Amino acid sequence: MSTPQDMPVEAPSFAAQLGGTALALLLVLALAWLALRGLKKLQQRASASGPGEPIVLLRSTSLGPRERVVAVRYRGREYLLGVTAAQVTVIDRHDDGHDDHHDHRRTAAAVDDGDRP
């Protein structure tokens, strides 16, 4: 008479192994998707409640392989910037709703240091 210990244990079939692996992969991908979605919402909330406003890109025109003219809006002002691989230069700036243009031709470093007219 055979006992349960004497009975050979059948290995799972290839289809069962493949199905288990696919299920585990789907579970990992679903968890990763949920984590990324949660991080994105967290970043959006943090940036919305942050101290500054987002920089809005209005237009960008390529002048060469690494040179561009970029128009952006930041804190109610529009800026025309010259962008190269080495620096960013403020070409023009004006407040929304005003037509007075100022030619400052300053580097972004000078503007960031608080050297404003």
PDB file of N, CA and C in Angstrom:
ATOM      1  N   MET A   1       0.834  -1.177   0.000  1.00  0.00           N
ATOM      2  CA  MET A   1       0.000   0.000   0.000  1.00  0.00           C
ATOM      3  C   MET A   1       0.880   1.242   0.000  1.00  0.00           C
ATOM      4  N   SER A   2       0.525   2.242  -0.772  1.00  0.00           N
ATOM      5  CA  SER A   2       1.371   3.420  -0.861  1.00  0.00           C
ATOM      6  C   SER A   2       0.860   4.504   0.072  1.00  0.00           C
ATOM      7  N   THR A   3       1.778   5.204   0.622  1.00  0.00           N
ATOM      8  CA  THR A   3       1.453   6.298   1.520  1.00  0.00           C
ATOM      9  C   THR A   3       1.612   7.612   0.775  1.00  0.00           C
ATOM     10  N   PRO A   4       1.069   8.689   1.311  1.00  0.00           N
ATOM     11  CA  PRO A   4       1.204   9.981   0.617  1.00  0.00           C
ATOM     12  C   PRO A   4       2.655  10.391   0.429  1.00  0.00           C
ATOM     13  N   GLN A   5       3.543   9.902   1.276  1.00  0.00           N
ATOM     14  CA  GLN A   5       4.955  10.268   1.132  1.00  0.00           C
ATOM     15  C   GLN A   5       5.594   9.548  -0.038  1.00  0.00           C
ATOM     16  N   ASP A   6       5.061   8.380  -0.386  1.00  0.00           N
ATOM     17  CA  ASP A   6       5.623   7.607  -1.487  1.00  0.00           C
ATOM     18  C   ASP A   6       5.153   8.103  -2.851  1.00  0.00           C
ATOM     19  N   MET A   7       4.103   8.888  -2.888  1.00  0.00           N
ATOM     20  CA  MET A   7       3.536   9.350  -4.154  1.00  0.00           C
ATOM     21  C   MET A   7       4.468  10.404  -4.755  1.00  0.00           C
ATOM     22  N   PRO A   8       4.765  10.323  -6.027  1.00  0.00           N
ATOM     23  CA  PRO A   8       5.618  11.335  -6.653  1.00  0.00           C
ATOM     24  C   PRO A   8       4.875  12.681  -6.740  1.00  0.00           C
ATOM     25  N   VAL A   9       5.614  13.760  -6.502  1.00  0.00           N
ATOM     26  CA  VAL A   9       5.040  15.101  -6.576  1.00  0.00           C
ATOM     27  C   VAL A   9       5.226  15.598  -8.006  1.00  0.00           C
ATOM     28  N   GLU A  10       4.119  15.990  -8.614  1.00  0.00           N
ATOM     29  CA  GLU A  10       4.187  16.477  -9.982  1.00  0.00           C
ATOM     30  C   GLU A  10       4.637  17.942  -9.991  1.00  0.00           C
ATOM     31  N   ALA A  11       5.561  18.250 -10.863  1.00  0.00           N
ATOM     32  CA  ALA A  11       6.003  19.635 -11.032  1.00  0.00           C
ATOM     33  C   ALA A  11       4.928  20.396 -11.793  1.00  0.00           C
ATOM     34  N   PRO A  12       4.769  21.688 -11.488  1.00  0.00           N
ATOM     35  CA  PRO A  12       3.765  22.452 -12.229  1.00  0.00           C
ATOM     36  C   PRO A  12       4.104  22.481 -13.718  1.00  0.00           C
ATOM     37  N   SER A  13       3.084  22.506 -14.516  1.00  0.00           N
ATOM     38  CA  SER A  13       3.299  22.520 -15.965  1.00  0.00           C
ATOM     39  C   SER A  13       3.916  23.849 -16.386  1.00  0.00           C
ATOM     40  N   PHE A  14       4.414  23.848 -17.604  1.00  0.00           N
ATOM     41  CA  PHE A  14       5.015  25.067 -18.146  1.00  0.00           C
ATOM     42  C   PHE A  14       3.991  26.194 -18.215  1.00  0.00           C
ATOM     43  N   ALA A  15       2.780  25.876 -18.593  1.00  0.00           N
ATOM     44  CA  ALA A  15       1.716  26.887 -18.689  1.00  0.00           C
ATOM     45  C   ALA A  15       1.412  27.482 -17.320  1.00  0.00           C
ATOM     46  N   ALA A  16       1.414  26.646 -16.285  1.00  0.00           N
ATOM     47  CA  ALA A  16       1.150  27.150 -14.936  1.00  0.00           C
ATOM     48  C   ALA A  16       2.289  28.058 -14.467  1.00  0.00           C
ATOM     49  N   GLN A  17       3.521  27.681 -14.762  1.00  0.00           N
ATOM     50  CA  GLN A  17       4.669  28.523 -14.395  1.00  0.00           C
ATOM     51  C   GLN A  17       4.622  29.853 -15.138  1.00  0.00           C
ATOM     52  N   LEU A  18       4.323  29.786 -16.416  1.00  0.00           N
ATOM     53  CA  LEU A  18       4.243  31.008 -17.219  1.00  0.00           C
ATOM     54  C   LEU A  18       3.114  31.909 -16.726  1.00  0.00           C
ATOM     55  N   GLY A  19       1.990  31.330 -16.391  1.00  0.00           N
ATOM     56  CA  GLY A  19       0.867  32.110 -15.879  1.00  0.00           C
ATOM     57  C   GLY A  19       1.193  32.771 -14.550  1.00  0.00           C
ATOM     58  N   GLY A  20       1.867  32.061 -13.676  1.00  0.00           N
ATOM     59  CA  GLY A  20       2.265  32.632 -12.384  1.00  0.00           C
ATOM     60  C   GLY A  20       3.250  33.771 -12.548  1.00  0.00           C
ATOM     61  N   THR A  21       4.192  33.598 -13.460  1.00  0.00           N
ATOM     62  CA  THR A  21       5.176  34.659 -13.717  1.00  0.00           C
ATOM     63  C   THR A  21       4.501  35.891 -14.317  1.00  0.00           C
ATOM     64  N   ALA A  22       3.587  35.669 -15.257  1.00  0.00           N
ATOM     65  CA  ALA A  22       2.873  36.792 -15.879  1.00  0.00           C
ATOM     66  C   ALA A  22       2.028  37.529 -14.844  1.00  0.00           C
ATOM     67  N   LEU A  23       1.390  36.790 -13.946  1.00  0.00           N
ATOM     68  CA  LEU A  23       0.585  37.413 -12.903  1.00  0.00           C
ATOM     69  C   LEU A  23       1.448  38.250 -11.963  1.00  0.00           C
ATOM     70  N   ALA A  24       2.615  37.728 -11.596  1.00  0.00           N
ATOM     71  CA  ALA A  24       3.529  38.477 -10.730  1.00  0.00           C
ATOM     72  C   ALA A  24       4.022  39.745 -11.430  1.00  0.00           C
ATOM     73  N   LEU A  25       4.327  39.641 -12.717  1.00  0.00           N
ATOM     74  CA  LEU A  25       4.775  40.806 -13.486  1.00  0.00           C
ATOM     75  C   LEU A  25       3.677  41.860 -13.566  1.00  0.00           C
ATOM     76  N   LEU A  26       2.457  41.448 -13.808  1.00  0.00           N
ATOM     77  CA  LEU A  26       1.334  42.396 -13.854  1.00  0.00           C
ATOM     78  C   LEU A  26       1.142  43.085 -12.509  1.00  0.00           C
ATOM     79  N   LEU A  27       1.310  42.353 -11.427  1.00  0.00           N
ATOM     80  CA  LEU A  27       1.180  42.939 -10.097  1.00  0.00           C
ATOM     81  C   LEU A  27       2.261  43.997  -9.863  1.00  0.00           C
ATOM     82  N   VAL A  28       3.494  43.697 -10.231  1.00  0.00           N
ATOM     83  CA  VAL A  28       4.594  44.659 -10.060  1.00  0.00           C
ATOM     84  C   VAL A  28       4.364  45.895 -10.925  1.00  0.00           C
ATOM     85  N   LEU A  29       3.944  45.703 -12.176  1.00  0.00           N
ATOM     86  CA  LEU A  29       3.686  46.849 -13.060  1.00  0.00           C
ATOM     87  C   LEU A  29       2.536  47.703 -12.540  1.00  0.00           C
ATOM     88  N   ALA A  30       1.498  47.083 -12.017  1.00  0.00           N
ATOM     89  CA  ALA A  30       0.368  47.847 -11.467  1.00  0.00           C
ATOM     90  C   ALA A  30       0.804  48.661 -10.254  1.00  0.00           C
ATOM     91  N   LEU A  31       1.613  48.074  -9.389  1.00  0.00           N
ATOM     92  CA  LEU A  31       2.110  48.807  -8.220  1.00  0.00           C
ATOM     93  C   LEU A  31       3.005  49.967  -8.637  1.00  0.00           C
ATOM     94  N   ALA A  32       3.858  49.755  -9.639  1.00  0.00           N
ATOM     95  CA  ALA A  32       4.724  50.833 -10.120  1.00  0.00           C
ATOM     96  C   ALA A  32       3.896  51.964 -10.728  1.00  0.00           C
ATOM     97  N   TRP A  33       2.865  51.620 -11.498  1.00  0.00           N
ATOM     98  CA  TRP A  33       2.003  52.635 -12.107  1.00  0.00           C
ATOM     99  C   TRP A  33       1.291  53.448 -11.032  1.00  0.00           C
ATOM    100  N   LEU A  34       0.768  52.766 -10.012  1.00  0.00           N
ATOM    101  CA  LEU A  34       0.097  53.476  -8.923  1.00  0.00           C
ATOM    102  C   LEU A  34       1.066  54.384  -8.165  1.00  0.00           C
ATOM    103  N   ALA A  35       2.280  53.916  -7.935  1.00  0.00           N
ATOM    104  CA  ALA A  35       3.271  54.738  -7.237  1.00  0.00           C
ATOM    105  C   ALA A  35       3.629  55.975  -8.052  1.00  0.00           C
ATOM    106  N   LEU A  36       3.841  55.819  -9.354  1.00  0.00           N
ATOM    107  CA  LEU A  36       4.167  56.970 -10.208  1.00  0.00           C
ATOM    108  C   LEU A  36       3.012  57.962 -10.279  1.00  0.00           C
ATOM    109  N   ARG A  37       1.815  57.451 -10.353  1.00  0.00           N
ATOM    110  CA  ARG A  37       0.643  58.334 -10.394  1.00  0.00           C
ATOM    111  C   ARG A  37       0.507  59.125  -9.083  1.00  0.00           C
ATOM    112  N   GLY A  38       0.743  58.446  -7.968  1.00  0.00           N
ATOM    113  CA  GLY A  38       0.685  59.126  -6.674  1.00  0.00           C
ATOM    114  C   GLY A  38       1.764  60.183  -6.543  1.00  0.00           C
ATOM    115  N   LEU A  39       2.980  59.885  -7.013  1.00  0.00           N
ATOM    116  CA  LEU A  39       4.062  60.869  -6.964  1.00  0.00           C
ATOM    117  C   LEU A  39       3.753  62.078  -7.844  1.00  0.00           C
ATOM    118  N   LYS A  40       3.157  61.843  -8.997  1.00  0.00           N
ATOM    119  CA  LYS A  40       2.810  62.955  -9.891  1.00  0.00           C
ATOM    120  C   LYS A  40       1.791  63.879  -9.232  1.00  0.00           C
ATOM    121  N   LYS A  41       0.774  63.296  -8.595  1.00  0.00           N
ATOM    122  CA  LYS A  41      -0.222  64.119  -7.911  1.00  0.00           C
ATOM    123  C   LYS A  41       0.396  64.873  -6.740  1.00  0.00           C
ATOM    124  N   LEU A  42       1.301  64.227  -6.041  1.00  0.00           N
ATOM    125  CA  LEU A  42       1.981  64.868  -4.920  1.00  0.00           C
ATOM    126  C   LEU A  42       2.827  66.047  -5.401  1.00  0.00           C
ATOM    127  N   GLN A  43       3.526  65.882  -6.520  1.00  0.00           N
ATOM    128  CA  GLN A  43       4.324  66.971  -7.082  1.00  0.00           C
ATOM    129  C   GLN A  43       3.440  68.122  -7.531  1.00  0.00           C
ATOM    130  N   GLN A  44       2.305  67.807  -8.145  1.00  0.00           N
ATOM    131  CA  GLN A  44       1.412  68.865  -8.610  1.00  0.00           C
ATOM    132  C   GLN A  44       0.868  69.661  -7.439  1.00  0.00           C
ATOM    133  N   ARG A  45       0.523  68.984  -6.351  1.00  0.00           N
ATOM    134  CA  ARG A  45       0.045  69.694  -5.165  1.00  0.00           C
ATOM    135  C   ARG A  45       1.143  70.542  -4.555  1.00  0.00           C
ATOM    136  N   ALA A  46       2.345  70.016  -4.512  1.00  0.00           N
ATOM    137  CA  ALA A  46       3.466  70.758  -3.925  1.00  0.00           C
ATOM    138  C   ALA A  46       3.802  71.987  -4.762  1.00  0.00           C
ATOM    139  N   SER A  47       3.776  71.852  -6.081  1.00  0.00           N
ATOM    140  CA  SER A  47       4.105  73.001  -6.930  1.00  0.00           C
ATOM    141  C   SER A  47       2.976  74.025  -6.916  1.00  0.00           C
ATOM    142  N   ALA A  48       1.738  73.577  -6.773  1.00  0.00           N
ATOM    143  CA  ALA A  48       0.613  74.517  -6.736  1.00  0.00           C
ATOM    144  C   ALA A  48       0.619  75.329  -5.445  1.00  0.00           C
ATOM    145  N   SER A  49       1.077  74.737  -4.367  1.00  0.00           N
ATOM    146  CA  SER A  49       1.093  75.456  -3.096  1.00  0.00           C
ATOM    147  C   SER A  49       2.448  76.078  -2.802  1.00  0.00           C
ATOM    148  N   GLY A  50       3.371  75.984  -3.757  1.00  0.00           N
ATOM    149  CA  GLY A  50       4.713  76.525  -3.566  1.00  0.00           C
ATOM    150  C   GLY A  50       4.720  78.036  -3.604  1.00  0.00           C
ATOM    151  N   PRO A  51       5.870  78.640  -3.277  1.00  0.00           N
ATOM    152  CA  PRO A  51       5.952  80.090  -3.201  1.00  0.00           C
ATOM    153  C   PRO A  51       5.911  80.798  -4.547  1.00  0.00           C
ATOM    154  N   GLY A  52       6.325  80.150  -5.620  1.00  0.00           N
ATOM    155  CA  GLY A  52       6.410  80.828  -6.905  1.00  0.00           C
ATOM    156  C   GLY A  52       5.406  80.300  -7.898  1.00  0.00           C
ATOM    157  N   GLU A  53       5.241  81.057  -8.961  1.00  0.00           N
ATOM    158  CA  GLU A  53       4.366  80.651 -10.041  1.00  0.00           C
ATOM    159  C   GLU A  53       5.175  79.862 -11.054  1.00  0.00           C
ATOM    160  N   PRO A  54       4.501  79.059 -11.857  1.00  0.00           N
ATOM    161  CA  PRO A  54       5.240  78.326 -12.886  1.00  0.00           C
ATOM    162  C   PRO A  54       5.689  79.265 -13.993  1.00  0.00           C
ATOM    163  N   ILE A  55       6.745  78.900 -14.660  1.00  0.00           N
ATOM    164  CA  ILE A  55       7.214  79.631 -15.834  1.00  0.00           C
ATOM    165  C   ILE A  55       6.463  79.073 -17.028  1.00  0.00           C
ATOM    166  N   VAL A  56       5.785  79.948 -17.778  1.00  0.00           N
ATOM    167  CA  VAL A  56       4.983  79.524 -18.923  1.00  0.00           C
ATOM    168  C   VAL A  56       5.754  79.842 -20.196  1.00  0.00           C
ATOM    169  N   LEU A  57       6.020  78.817 -20.993  1.00  0.00           N
ATOM    170  CA  LEU A  57       6.701  78.997 -22.263  1.00  0.00           C
ATOM    171  C   LEU A  57       5.691  79.477 -23.293  1.00  0.00           C
ATOM    172  N   LEU A  58       5.935  80.654 -23.857  1.00  0.00           N
ATOM    173  CA  LEU A  58       5.022  81.214 -24.852  1.00  0.00           C
ATOM    174  C   LEU A  58       5.431  80.823 -26.262  1.00  0.00           C
ATOM    175  N   ARG A  59       6.701  80.994 -26.589  1.00  0.00           N
ATOM    176  CA  ARG A  59       7.239  80.643 -27.902  1.00  0.00           C
ATOM    177  C   ARG A  59       8.717  80.342 -27.794  1.00  0.00           C
ATOM    178  N   SER A  60       9.196  79.576 -28.745  1.00  0.00           N
ATOM    179  CA  SER A  60      10.619  79.264 -28.805  1.00  0.00           C
ATOM    180  C   SER A  60      11.008  79.147 -30.275  1.00  0.00           C
ATOM    181  N   THR A  61      12.061  79.852 -30.662  1.00  0.00           N
ATOM    182  CA  THR A  61      12.527  79.823 -32.044  1.00  0.00           C
ATOM    183  C   THR A  61      14.007  79.477 -32.064  1.00  0.00           C
ATOM    184  N   SER A  62      14.357  78.476 -32.832  1.00  0.00           N
ATOM    185  CA  SER A  62      15.743  78.051 -32.948  1.00  0.00           C
ATOM    186  C   SER A  62      16.481  78.968 -33.920  1.00  0.00           C
ATOM    187  N   LEU A  63      17.655  79.413 -33.508  1.00  0.00           N
ATOM    188  CA  LEU A  63      18.487  80.259 -34.373  1.00  0.00           C
ATOM    189  C   LEU A  63      19.701  79.511 -34.891  1.00  0.00           C
ATOM    190  N   GLY A  64      19.984  78.380 -34.317  1.00  0.00           N
ATOM    191  CA  GLY A  64      21.134  77.568 -34.693  1.00  0.00           C
ATOM    192  C   GLY A  64      21.075  76.263 -33.926  1.00  0.00           C
ATOM    193  N   PRO A  65      22.137  75.473 -34.000  1.00  0.00           N
ATOM    194  CA  PRO A  65      22.106  74.170 -33.330  1.00  0.00           C
ATOM    195  C   PRO A  65      21.982  74.261 -31.814  1.00  0.00           C
ATOM    196  N   ARG A  66      22.503  75.337 -31.203  1.00  0.00           N
ATOM    197  CA  ARG A  66      22.444  75.454 -29.753  1.00  0.00           C
ATOM    198  C   ARG A  66      22.015  76.846 -29.305  1.00  0.00           C
ATOM    199  N   GLU A  67      21.389  77.598 -30.184  1.00  0.00           N
ATOM    200  CA  GLU A  67      20.938  78.953 -29.866  1.00  0.00           C
ATOM    201  C   GLU A  67      19.439  79.055 -30.103  1.00  0.00           C
ATOM    202  N   ARG A  68      18.770  79.737 -29.172  1.00  0.00           N
ATOM    203  CA  ARG A  68      17.323  79.912 -29.272  1.00  0.00           C
ATOM    204  C   ARG A  68      16.916  81.288 -28.757  1.00  0.00           C
ATOM    205  N   VAL A  69      15.783  81.757 -29.239  1.00  0.00           N
ATOM    206  CA  VAL A  69      15.104  82.910 -28.668  1.00  0.00           C
ATOM    207  C   VAL A  69      13.824  82.358 -28.063  1.00  0.00           C
ATOM    208  N   VAL A  70      13.606  82.657 -26.783  1.00  0.00           N
ATOM    209  CA  VAL A  70      12.497  82.070 -26.047  1.00  0.00           C
ATOM    210  C   VAL A  70      11.680  83.186 -25.408  1.00  0.00           C
ATOM    211  N   ALA A  71      10.359  83.116 -25.549  1.00  0.00           N
ATOM    212  CA  ALA A  71       9.451  84.048 -24.873  1.00  0.00           C
ATOM    213  C   ALA A  71       8.767  83.280 -23.744  1.00  0.00           C
ATOM    214  N   VAL A  72       8.864  83.824 -22.519  1.00  0.00           N
ATOM    215  CA  VAL A  72       8.246  83.186 -21.360  1.00  0.00           C
ATOM    216  C   VAL A  72       7.440  84.204 -20.573  1.00  0.00           C
ATOM    217  N   ARG A  73       6.494  83.706 -19.763  1.00  0.00           N
ATOM    218  CA  ARG A  73       5.742  84.557 -18.849  1.00  0.00           C
ATOM    219  C   ARG A  73       6.014  84.060 -17.439  1.00  0.00           C
ATOM    220  N   TYR A  74       6.374  85.002 -16.560  1.00  0.00           N
ATOM    221  CA  TYR A  74       6.656  84.659 -15.171  1.00  0.00           C
ATOM    222  C   TYR A  74       6.225  85.808 -14.276  1.00  0.00           C
ATOM    223  N   ARG A  75       5.365  85.518 -13.312  1.00  0.00           N
ATOM    224  CA  ARG A  75       4.863  86.493 -12.341  1.00  0.00           C
ATOM    225  C   ARG A  75       4.322  87.766 -12.992  1.00  0.00           C
ATOM    226  N   GLY A  76       3.501  87.594 -14.018  1.00  0.00           N
ATOM    227  CA  GLY A  76       2.842  88.728 -14.647  1.00  0.00           C
ATOM    228  C   GLY A  76       3.715  89.507 -15.610  1.00  0.00           C
ATOM    229  N   ARG A  77       4.913  89.055 -15.851  1.00  0.00           N
ATOM    230  CA  ARG A  77       5.795  89.726 -16.812  1.00  0.00           C
ATOM    231  C   ARG A  77       6.149  88.760 -17.927  1.00  0.00           C
ATOM    232  N   GLU A  78       6.337  89.322 -19.107  1.00  0.00           N
ATOM    233  CA  GLU A  78       6.790  88.519 -20.239  1.00  0.00           C
ATOM    234  C   GLU A  78       8.237  88.873 -20.525  1.00  0.00           C
ATOM    235  N   TYR A  79       9.040  87.841 -20.761  1.00  0.00           N
ATOM    236  CA  TYR A  79      10.462  88.000 -21.013  1.00  0.00           C
ATOM    237  C   TYR A  79      10.804  87.407 -22.371  1.00  0.00           C
ATOM    238  N   LEU A  80      11.679  88.090 -23.097  1.00  0.00           N
ATOM    239  CA  LEU A  80      12.262  87.563 -24.315  1.00  0.00           C
ATOM    240  C   LEU A  80      13.705  87.233 -23.973  1.00  0.00           C
ATOM    241  N   LEU A  81      14.066  85.949 -24.071  1.00  0.00           N
ATOM    242  CA  LEU A  81      15.381  85.492 -23.637  1.00  0.00           C
ATOM    243  C   LEU A  81      16.177  84.961 -24.815  1.00  0.00           C
ATOM    244  N   GLY A  82      17.465  85.270 -24.817  1.00  0.00           N
ATOM    245  CA  GLY A  82      18.402  84.652 -25.743  1.00  0.00           C
ATOM    246  C   GLY A  82      19.097  83.524 -24.998  1.00  0.00           C
ATOM    247  N   VAL A  83      18.990  82.310 -25.511  1.00  0.00           N
ATOM    248  CA  VAL A  83      19.524  81.144 -24.822  1.00  0.00           C
ATOM    249  C   VAL A  83      20.594  80.490 -25.686  1.00  0.00           C
ATOM    250  N   THR A  84      21.800  80.360 -25.126  1.00  0.00           N
ATOM    251  CA  THR A  84      22.883  79.637 -25.781  1.00  0.00           C
ATOM    252  C   THR A  84      23.346  78.533 -24.841  1.00  0.00           C
ATOM    253  N   ALA A  85      24.335  77.780 -25.282  1.00  0.00           N
ATOM    254  CA  ALA A  85      24.868  76.717 -24.430  1.00  0.00           C
ATOM    255  C   ALA A  85      25.581  77.297 -23.216  1.00  0.00           C
ATOM    256  N   ALA A  86      26.069  78.528 -23.306  1.00  0.00           N
ATOM    257  CA  ALA A  86      26.861  79.111 -22.234  1.00  0.00           C
ATOM    258  C   ALA A  86      26.079  80.041 -21.315  1.00  0.00           C
ATOM    259  N   GLN A  87      25.000  80.670 -21.799  1.00  0.00           N
ATOM    260  CA  GLN A  87      24.312  81.660 -20.964  1.00  0.00           C
ATOM    261  C   GLN A  87      22.886  81.905 -21.424  1.00  0.00           C
ATOM    262  N   VAL A  88      22.157  82.600 -20.565  1.00  0.00           N
ATOM    263  CA  VAL A  88      20.811  83.071 -20.875  1.00  0.00           C
ATOM    264  C   VAL A  88      20.825  84.585 -20.721  1.00  0.00           C
ATOM    265  N   THR A  89      20.369  85.317 -21.744  1.00  0.00           N
ATOM    266  CA  THR A  89      20.379  86.775 -21.730  1.00  0.00           C
ATOM    267  C   THR A  89      18.951  87.302 -21.854  1.00  0.00           C
ATOM    268  N   VAL A  90      18.601  88.264 -20.994  1.00  0.00           N
ATOM    269  CA  VAL A  90      17.295  88.912 -21.091  1.00  0.00           C
ATOM    270  C   VAL A  90      17.396  89.958 -22.189  1.00  0.00           C
ATOM    271  N   ILE A  91      16.649  89.763 -23.253  1.00  0.00           N
ATOM    272  CA  ILE A  91      16.665  90.684 -24.381  1.00  0.00           C
ATOM    273  C   ILE A  91      15.631  91.785 -24.176  1.00  0.00           C
ATOM    274  N   ASP A  92      14.441  91.411 -23.704  1.00  0.00           N
ATOM    275  CA  ASP A  92      13.361  92.376 -23.528  1.00  0.00           C
ATOM    276  C   ASP A  92      12.439  91.867 -22.427  1.00  0.00           C
ATOM    277  N   ARG A  93      11.767  92.801 -21.749  1.00  0.00           N
ATOM    278  CA  ARG A  93      10.807  92.400 -20.726  1.00  0.00           C
ATOM    279  C   ARG A  93       9.730  93.467 -20.630  1.00  0.00           C
ATOM    280  N   HIS A  94       8.501  93.032 -20.373  1.00  0.00           N
ATOM    281  CA  HIS A  94       7.420  93.988 -20.132  1.00  0.00           C
ATOM    282  C   HIS A  94       6.329  93.325 -19.302  1.00  0.00           C
ATOM    283  N   ASP A  95       5.574  94.197 -18.610  1.00  0.00           N
ATOM    284  CA  ASP A  95       4.458  93.716 -17.793  1.00  0.00           C
ATOM    285  C   ASP A  95       3.292  93.386 -18.700  1.00  0.00           C
ATOM    286  N   ASP A  96       2.446  92.451 -18.296  1.00  0.00           N
ATOM    287  CA  ASP A  96       1.243  92.134 -19.064  1.00  0.00           C
ATOM    288  C   ASP A  96       0.354  93.368 -19.127  1.00  0.00           C
ATOM    289  N   GLY A  97      -0.166  93.643 -20.313  1.00  0.00           N
ATOM    290  CA  GLY A  97      -1.082  94.755 -20.480  1.00  0.00           C
ATOM    291  C   GLY A  97      -0.399  96.069 -20.786  1.00  0.00           C
ATOM    292  N   HIS A  98       0.904  96.123 -20.780  1.00  0.00           N
ATOM    293  CA  HIS A  98       1.633  97.350 -21.101  1.00  0.00           C
ATOM    294  C   HIS A  98       2.419  97.137 -22.379  1.00  0.00           C
ATOM    295  N   ASP A  99       2.527  98.205 -23.147  1.00  0.00           N
ATOM    296  CA  ASP A  99       3.266  98.117 -24.395  1.00  0.00           C
ATOM    297  C   ASP A  99       4.664  98.707 -24.285  1.00  0.00           C
ATOM    298  N   ASP A 100       5.076  99.119 -23.080  1.00  0.00           N
ATOM    299  CA  ASP A 100       6.406  99.706 -22.954  1.00  0.00           C
ATOM    300  C   ASP A 100       7.439  98.579 -22.902  1.00  0.00           C
ATOM    301  N   HIS A 101       8.337  98.602 -23.877  1.00  0.00           N
ATOM    302  CA  HIS A 101       9.382  97.583 -23.968  1.00  0.00           C
ATOM    303  C   HIS A 101      10.690  98.188 -23.483  1.00  0.00           C
ATOM    304  N   HIS A 102      11.430  97.389 -22.738  1.00  0.00           N
ATOM    305  CA  HIS A 102      12.718  97.827 -22.223  1.00  0.00           C
ATOM    306  C   HIS A 102      13.789  96.893 -22.753  1.00  0.00           C
ATOM    307  N   ASP A 103      14.839  97.467 -23.317  1.00  0.00           N
ATOM    308  CA  ASP A 103      15.943  96.670 -23.810  1.00  0.00           C
ATOM    309  C   ASP A 103      17.012  96.630 -22.725  1.00  0.00           C
ATOM    310  N   HIS A 104      17.077  95.544 -21.984  1.00  0.00           N
ATOM    311  CA  HIS A 104      17.995  95.470 -20.854  1.00  0.00           C
ATOM    312  C   HIS A 104      19.316  94.813 -21.207  1.00  0.00           C
ATOM    313  N   ARG A 105      19.308  93.846 -22.067  1.00  0.00           N
ATOM    314  CA  ARG A 105      20.510  93.127 -22.476  1.00  0.00           C
ATOM    315  C   ARG A 105      21.395  92.778 -21.283  1.00  0.00           C
ATOM    316  N   ARG A 106      20.814  92.082 -20.343  1.00  0.00           N
ATOM    317  CA  ARG A 106      21.542  91.638 -19.160  1.00  0.00           C
ATOM    318  C   ARG A 106      21.584  90.126 -19.157  1.00  0.00           C
ATOM    319  N   THR A 107      22.551  89.600 -18.488  1.00  0.00           N
ATOM    320  CA  THR A 107      22.588  88.155 -18.346  1.00  0.00           C
ATOM    321  C   THR A 107      21.644  87.747 -17.245  1.00  0.00           C
ATOM    322  N   ALA A 108      21.218  86.502 -17.269  1.00  0.00           N
ATOM    323  CA  ALA A 108      20.308  85.989 -16.248  1.00  0.00           C
ATOM    324  C   ALA A 108      20.958  86.056 -14.876  1.00  0.00           C
ATOM    325  N   ALA A 109      22.265  85.934 -14.801  1.00  0.00           N
ATOM    326  CA  ALA A 109      22.952  85.997 -13.509  1.00  0.00           C
ATOM    327  C   ALA A 109      22.790  87.373 -12.890  1.00  0.00           C
ATOM    328  N   ALA A 110      22.860  88.421 -13.691  1.00  0.00           N
ATOM    329  CA  ALA A 110      22.691  89.775 -13.159  1.00  0.00           C
ATOM    330  C   ALA A 110      21.271  89.983 -12.660  1.00  0.00           C
ATOM    331  N   VAL A 111      20.291  89.420 -13.369  1.00  0.00           N
ATOM    332  CA  VAL A 111      18.902  89.564 -12.939  1.00  0.00           C
ATOM    333  C   VAL A 111      18.687  88.765 -11.666  1.00  0.00           C
ATOM    334  N   ASP A 112      19.250  87.577 -11.578  1.00  0.00           N
ATOM    335  CA  ASP A 112      19.074  86.740 -10.391  1.00  0.00           C
ATOM    336  C   ASP A 112      19.757  87.321  -9.173  1.00  0.00           C
ATOM    337  N   ASP A 113      20.813  88.099  -9.360  1.00  0.00           N
ATOM    338  CA  ASP A 113      21.525  88.706  -8.228  1.00  0.00           C
ATOM    339  C   ASP A 113      20.775  89.905  -7.675  1.00  0.00           C
ATOM    340  N   GLY A 114      19.635  90.229  -8.224  1.00  0.00           N
ATOM    341  CA  GLY A 114      18.849  91.339  -7.714  1.00  0.00           C
ATOM    342  C   GLY A 114      19.230  92.668  -8.343  1.00  0.00           C
ATOM    343  N   ASP A 115      20.040  92.671  -9.374  1.00  0.00           N
ATOM    344  CA  ASP A 115      20.459  93.889 -10.047  1.00  0.00           C
ATOM    345  C   ASP A 115      19.398  94.241 -11.086  1.00  0.00           C
ATOM    346  N   ARG A 116      18.286  94.803 -10.609  1.00  0.00           N
ATOM    347  CA  ARG A 116      17.164  95.124 -11.494  1.00  0.00           C
ATOM    348  C   ARG A 116      16.975  96.630 -11.544  1.00  0.00           C
ATOM    349  N   PRO A 117      16.496  97.128 -12.667  1.00  0.00           N
ATOM    350  CA  PRO A 117      16.295  98.585 -12.784  1.00  0.00           C
ATOM    351  C   PRO A 117      15.131  99.064 -11.946  1.00  0.00           C
TER     352      PRO A 117
END
